Amino acid sequence: MLISVNERKKEIRLRKALGARGKDIKLQFLFEAVAVTLAGGVMGILLGATGAQVLKMVTDMPVFVPWEGIVLGVVSSSLVGIVAGMQPAGRAAQLPPVESLRG
């Protein structure tokens, strides 16, 4: 997410110059961070469940994927997204809008 802020400085400044508040920029970056980590969490859950089924077919071991584990995976990946996105979101919200009008 830090790289995203650096790569998108021009877009952020332009949005601020057009009237977007710092709160709007923060919400955008937090939403993107949660969306990315949530997608990763869902992919991890699907990969884990598929791996468990493959293990079951190969070794004939009983396999059980509890729903609590799935919920915990989704919630923890969302929390990681929020925590990892807060600092870059705050940094993006503090960029000066005048810079975009100059460049």
N, C-alpha and C. Protein backbone atom coordinates (compact mmCIF):
# COMPACT_ATOMS: atom_id res chain seq x y z
N MET A 1 0.81 -1.19 0.00
CA MET A 1 0.00 0.00 0.00
C MET A 1 0.86 1.26 0.00
N LEU A 2 2.05 1.19 0.61
CA LEU A 2 2.94 2.34 0.58
C LEU A 2 3.38 2.64 -0.85
N ILE A 3 3.65 1.61 -1.59
CA ILE A 3 4.06 1.78 -2.99
C ILE A 3 2.91 2.39 -3.77
N SER A 4 1.70 1.97 -3.47
CA SER A 4 0.53 2.50 -4.16
C SER A 4 0.39 4.00 -3.94
N VAL A 5 0.68 4.47 -2.74
CA VAL A 5 0.60 5.91 -2.45
C VAL A 5 1.63 6.66 -3.28
N ASN A 6 2.85 6.14 -3.33
CA ASN A 6 3.90 6.82 -4.08
C ASN A 6 3.61 6.84 -5.58
N GLU A 7 3.04 5.76 -6.10
CA GLU A 7 2.75 5.70 -7.52
C GLU A 7 1.54 6.55 -7.91
N ARG A 8 0.67 6.83 -6.96
CA ARG A 8 -0.58 7.51 -7.27
C ARG A 8 -0.65 8.92 -6.71
N LYS A 9 0.50 9.52 -6.42
CA LYS A 9 0.50 10.86 -5.84
C LYS A 9 -0.22 11.87 -6.73
N LYS A 10 -0.01 11.78 -8.03
CA LYS A 10 -0.64 12.74 -8.94
C LYS A 10 -2.16 12.61 -8.87
N GLU A 11 -2.66 11.38 -8.87
CA GLU A 11 -4.11 11.15 -8.78
C GLU A 11 -4.67 11.69 -7.47
N ILE A 12 -3.97 11.43 -6.38
CA ILE A 12 -4.43 11.86 -5.06
C ILE A 12 -4.48 13.38 -4.98
N ARG A 13 -3.43 14.01 -5.46
CA ARG A 13 -3.40 15.48 -5.41
C ARG A 13 -4.47 16.08 -6.30
N LEU A 14 -4.71 15.47 -7.44
CA LEU A 14 -5.75 15.97 -8.34
C LEU A 14 -7.13 15.84 -7.68
N ARG A 15 -7.39 14.72 -7.04
CA ARG A 15 -8.66 14.56 -6.33
C ARG A 15 -8.82 15.61 -5.24
N LYS A 16 -7.73 15.87 -4.51
CA LYS A 16 -7.80 16.89 -3.46
C LYS A 16 -8.00 18.28 -4.05
N ALA A 17 -7.37 18.56 -5.18
CA ALA A 17 -7.53 19.87 -5.82
C ALA A 17 -8.96 20.05 -6.32
N LEU A 18 -9.62 18.95 -6.65
CA LEU A 18 -11.00 19.03 -7.12
C LEU A 18 -12.02 19.01 -5.99
N GLY A 19 -11.54 18.92 -4.75
CA GLY A 19 -12.46 19.06 -3.62
C GLY A 19 -12.59 17.84 -2.72
N ALA A 20 -11.87 16.78 -3.00
CA ALA A 20 -11.94 15.61 -2.11
C ALA A 20 -11.29 15.95 -0.77
N ARG A 21 -11.93 15.54 0.30
CA ARG A 21 -11.39 15.78 1.63
C ARG A 21 -10.40 14.67 1.99
N GLY A 22 -9.60 14.93 2.99
CA GLY A 22 -8.66 13.92 3.47
C GLY A 22 -9.37 12.65 3.88
N LYS A 23 -10.56 12.81 4.45
CA LYS A 23 -11.36 11.66 4.87
C LYS A 23 -11.72 10.77 3.67
N ASP A 24 -12.05 11.41 2.54
CA ASP A 24 -12.40 10.65 1.33
C ASP A 24 -11.20 9.83 0.82
N ILE A 25 -10.03 10.45 0.85
CA ILE A 25 -8.81 9.77 0.40
C ILE A 25 -8.50 8.59 1.32
N LYS A 26 -8.62 8.83 2.65
CA LYS A 26 -8.36 7.75 3.61
C LYS A 26 -9.31 6.58 3.39
N LEU A 27 -10.60 6.88 3.21
CA LEU A 27 -11.57 5.81 2.99
C LEU A 27 -11.28 5.02 1.72
N GLN A 28 -10.85 5.72 0.68
CA GLN A 28 -10.52 5.04 -0.57
C GLN A 28 -9.36 4.06 -0.35
N PHE A 29 -8.31 4.52 0.30
CA PHE A 29 -7.15 3.66 0.50
C PHE A 29 -7.45 2.52 1.47
N LEU A 30 -8.23 2.79 2.51
CA LEU A 30 -8.58 1.71 3.43
C LEU A 30 -9.46 0.67 2.75
N PHE A 31 -10.40 1.12 1.93
CA PHE A 31 -11.26 0.19 1.19
C PHE A 31 -10.42 -0.67 0.26
N GLU A 32 -9.48 -0.06 -0.44
CA GLU A 32 -8.63 -0.83 -1.34
C GLU A 32 -7.78 -1.84 -0.58
N ALA A 33 -7.24 -1.43 0.57
CA ALA A 33 -6.41 -2.35 1.36
C ALA A 33 -7.23 -3.53 1.85
N VAL A 34 -8.43 -3.27 2.34
CA VAL A 34 -9.29 -4.35 2.82
C VAL A 34 -9.71 -5.25 1.67
N ALA A 35 -10.02 -4.67 0.52
CA ALA A 35 -10.44 -5.47 -0.64
C ALA A 35 -9.31 -6.40 -1.09
N VAL A 36 -8.09 -5.89 -1.13
CA VAL A 36 -6.96 -6.71 -1.56
C VAL A 36 -6.69 -7.84 -0.56
N THR A 37 -6.66 -7.52 0.73
CA THR A 37 -6.37 -8.56 1.72
C THR A 37 -7.53 -9.54 1.86
N LEU A 38 -8.75 -9.06 1.69
CA LEU A 38 -9.91 -9.95 1.74
C LEU A 38 -9.89 -10.93 0.57
N ALA A 39 -9.54 -10.44 -0.60
CA ALA A 39 -9.43 -11.32 -1.77
C ALA A 39 -8.33 -12.36 -1.53
N GLY A 40 -7.23 -11.93 -0.96
CA GLY A 40 -6.15 -12.86 -0.62
C GLY A 40 -6.59 -13.88 0.42
N GLY A 41 -7.36 -13.44 1.40
CA GLY A 41 -7.86 -14.35 2.43
C GLY A 41 -8.81 -15.40 1.85
N VAL A 42 -9.70 -14.96 0.97
CA VAL A 42 -10.63 -15.90 0.34
C VAL A 42 -9.88 -16.90 -0.54
N MET A 43 -8.88 -16.40 -1.28
CA MET A 43 -8.08 -17.31 -2.10
C MET A 43 -7.33 -18.31 -1.23
N GLY A 44 -6.82 -17.85 -0.10
CA GLY A 44 -6.13 -18.75 0.82
C GLY A 44 -7.05 -19.81 1.39
N ILE A 45 -8.28 -19.41 1.72
CA ILE A 45 -9.25 -20.37 2.24
C ILE A 45 -9.58 -21.41 1.17
N LEU A 46 -9.81 -20.95 -0.05
CA LEU A 46 -10.11 -21.88 -1.14
C LEU A 46 -8.94 -22.82 -1.41
N LEU A 47 -7.73 -22.28 -1.39
CA LEU A 47 -6.55 -23.11 -1.61
C LEU A 47 -6.40 -24.13 -0.49
N GLY A 48 -6.62 -23.71 0.75
CA GLY A 48 -6.52 -24.62 1.89
C GLY A 48 -7.56 -25.72 1.84
N ALA A 49 -8.81 -25.36 1.51
CA ALA A 49 -9.87 -26.37 1.42
C ALA A 49 -9.60 -27.34 0.28
N THR A 50 -9.11 -26.82 -0.84
CA THR A 50 -8.77 -27.70 -1.97
C THR A 50 -7.62 -28.62 -1.60
N GLY A 51 -6.61 -28.06 -0.94
CA GLY A 51 -5.49 -28.88 -0.49
C GLY A 51 -5.92 -29.97 0.47
N ALA A 52 -6.86 -29.65 1.34
CA ALA A 52 -7.37 -30.65 2.29
C ALA A 52 -8.09 -31.77 1.55
N GLN A 53 -8.86 -31.41 0.53
CA GLN A 53 -9.57 -32.44 -0.25
C GLN A 53 -8.59 -33.30 -1.04
N VAL A 54 -7.55 -32.70 -1.59
CA VAL A 54 -6.53 -33.47 -2.31
C VAL A 54 -5.83 -34.42 -1.35
N LEU A 55 -5.50 -33.93 -0.17
CA LEU A 55 -4.87 -34.77 0.85
C LEU A 55 -5.77 -35.93 1.22
N LYS A 56 -7.06 -35.67 1.32
CA LYS A 56 -8.03 -36.71 1.65
C LYS A 56 -8.05 -37.78 0.56
N MET A 57 -8.03 -37.36 -0.71
CA MET A 57 -8.06 -38.32 -1.81
C MET A 57 -6.78 -39.13 -1.90
N VAL A 58 -5.64 -38.50 -1.62
CA VAL A 58 -4.35 -39.18 -1.76
C VAL A 58 -4.08 -40.13 -0.59
N THR A 59 -4.40 -39.71 0.62
CA THR A 59 -4.02 -40.50 1.80
C THR A 59 -5.17 -41.19 2.48
N ASP A 60 -6.40 -40.96 2.07
CA ASP A 60 -7.59 -41.52 2.71
C ASP A 60 -7.71 -41.12 4.18
N MET A 61 -7.13 -39.96 4.53
CA MET A 61 -7.28 -39.43 5.88
C MET A 61 -8.59 -38.65 5.96
N PRO A 62 -9.28 -38.72 7.09
CA PRO A 62 -10.49 -37.90 7.21
C PRO A 62 -10.11 -36.43 7.32
N VAL A 63 -10.83 -35.58 6.60
CA VAL A 63 -10.54 -34.16 6.58
C VAL A 63 -11.80 -33.39 6.93
N PHE A 64 -11.64 -32.39 7.78
CA PHE A 64 -12.76 -31.56 8.17
C PHE A 64 -12.31 -30.10 8.17
N VAL A 65 -13.02 -29.25 7.45
CA VAL A 65 -12.72 -27.82 7.41
C VAL A 65 -13.83 -27.10 8.18
N PRO A 66 -13.54 -26.67 9.42
CA PRO A 66 -14.59 -26.04 10.24
C PRO A 66 -14.94 -24.63 9.73
N TRP A 67 -16.20 -24.27 9.86
CA TRP A 67 -16.63 -22.95 9.41
C TRP A 67 -16.03 -21.85 10.27
N GLU A 68 -15.70 -22.17 11.53
CA GLU A 68 -15.07 -21.17 12.40
C GLU A 68 -13.71 -20.76 11.85
N GLY A 69 -12.99 -21.72 11.30
CA GLY A 69 -11.69 -21.42 10.69
C GLY A 69 -11.83 -20.53 9.47
N ILE A 70 -12.87 -20.75 8.70
CA ILE A 70 -13.12 -19.93 7.52
C ILE A 70 -13.45 -18.50 7.94
N VAL A 71 -14.33 -18.35 8.92
CA VAL A 71 -14.69 -17.02 9.42
C VAL A 71 -13.46 -16.32 10.01
N LEU A 72 -12.67 -17.06 10.77
CA LEU A 72 -11.46 -16.49 11.36
C LEU A 72 -10.49 -16.03 10.27
N GLY A 73 -10.37 -16.79 9.20
CA GLY A 73 -9.50 -16.40 8.09
C GLY A 73 -9.96 -15.12 7.42
N VAL A 74 -11.25 -15.00 7.19
CA VAL A 74 -11.79 -13.79 6.54
C VAL A 74 -11.63 -12.58 7.46
N VAL A 75 -11.95 -12.75 8.73
CA VAL A 75 -11.86 -11.63 9.68
C VAL A 75 -10.40 -11.20 9.87
N SER A 76 -9.49 -12.16 10.02
CA SER A 76 -8.09 -11.80 10.24
C SER A 76 -7.49 -11.14 9.00
N SER A 77 -7.84 -11.60 7.81
CA SER A 77 -7.29 -10.94 6.62
C SER A 77 -7.85 -9.53 6.48
N SER A 78 -9.10 -9.31 6.86
CA SER A 78 -9.66 -7.96 6.83
C SER A 78 -8.96 -7.05 7.84
N LEU A 79 -8.69 -7.57 9.02
CA LEU A 79 -8.00 -6.77 10.04
C LEU A 79 -6.58 -6.41 9.59
N VAL A 80 -5.91 -7.36 8.95
CA VAL A 80 -4.57 -7.07 8.43
C VAL A 80 -4.65 -5.96 7.40
N GLY A 81 -5.67 -5.99 6.55
CA GLY A 81 -5.84 -4.95 5.55
C GLY A 81 -6.07 -3.58 6.17
N ILE A 82 -6.86 -3.54 7.22
CA ILE A 82 -7.12 -2.26 7.90
C ILE A 82 -5.85 -1.73 8.55
N VAL A 83 -5.15 -2.60 9.27
CA VAL A 83 -3.94 -2.18 9.97
C VAL A 83 -2.86 -1.77 8.96
N ALA A 84 -2.68 -2.56 7.91
CA ALA A 84 -1.64 -2.25 6.93
C ALA A 84 -2.01 -1.06 6.06
N GLY A 85 -3.28 -0.72 5.97
CA GLY A 85 -3.70 0.38 5.12
C GLY A 85 -3.82 1.71 5.84
N MET A 86 -3.79 1.71 7.16
CA MET A 86 -4.01 2.96 7.90
C MET A 86 -2.89 3.98 7.68
N GLN A 87 -1.66 3.56 7.80
CA GLN A 87 -0.55 4.49 7.65
C GLN A 87 -0.46 5.04 6.23
N PRO A 88 -0.52 4.21 5.20
CA PRO A 88 -0.50 4.77 3.84
C PRO A 88 -1.71 5.66 3.54
N ALA A 89 -2.87 5.32 4.11
CA ALA A 89 -4.06 6.13 3.89
C ALA A 89 -3.90 7.51 4.51
N GLY A 90 -3.35 7.56 5.70
CA GLY A 90 -3.09 8.84 6.34
C GLY A 90 -2.06 9.65 5.59
N ARG A 91 -1.06 8.97 5.09
CA ARG A 91 -0.02 9.64 4.31
C ARG A 91 -0.60 10.22 3.02
N ALA A 92 -1.47 9.46 2.38
CA ALA A 92 -2.10 9.93 1.13
C ALA A 92 -3.00 11.12 1.39
N ALA A 93 -3.69 11.11 2.51
CA ALA A 93 -4.63 12.20 2.82
C ALA A 93 -3.90 13.50 3.12
N GLN A 94 -2.62 13.43 3.49
CA GLN A 94 -1.88 14.63 3.85
C GLN A 94 -1.13 15.25 2.68
N LEU A 95 -1.20 14.65 1.50
CA LEU A 95 -0.51 15.22 0.34
C LEU A 95 -1.12 16.57 -0.03
N PRO A 96 -0.29 17.55 -0.35
CA PRO A 96 -0.81 18.88 -0.69
C PRO A 96 -1.43 18.91 -2.09
N PRO A 97 -2.61 19.48 -2.24
CA PRO A 97 -3.28 19.51 -3.54
C PRO A 97 -2.65 20.47 -4.54
N VAL A 98 -1.91 21.46 -4.07
CA VAL A 98 -1.33 22.46 -4.95
C VAL A 98 -0.31 21.85 -5.90
N GLU A 99 0.38 20.82 -5.43
CA GLU A 99 1.40 20.18 -6.25
C GLU A 99 0.86 19.66 -7.57
N SER A 100 -0.35 19.12 -7.57
CA SER A 100 -0.92 18.55 -8.80
C SER A 100 -1.25 19.65 -9.80
N LEU A 101 -1.62 20.81 -9.32
CA LEU A 101 -1.94 21.90 -10.23
C LEU A 101 -0.66 22.46 -10.87
N ARG A 102 0.44 22.42 -10.15
CA ARG A 102 1.72 22.89 -10.67
C ARG A 102 2.25 21.98 -11.76
N GLY A 103 2.17 20.64 -11.50
CA GLY A 103 2.77 19.67 -12.42
C GLY A 103 1.81 19.25 -13.46
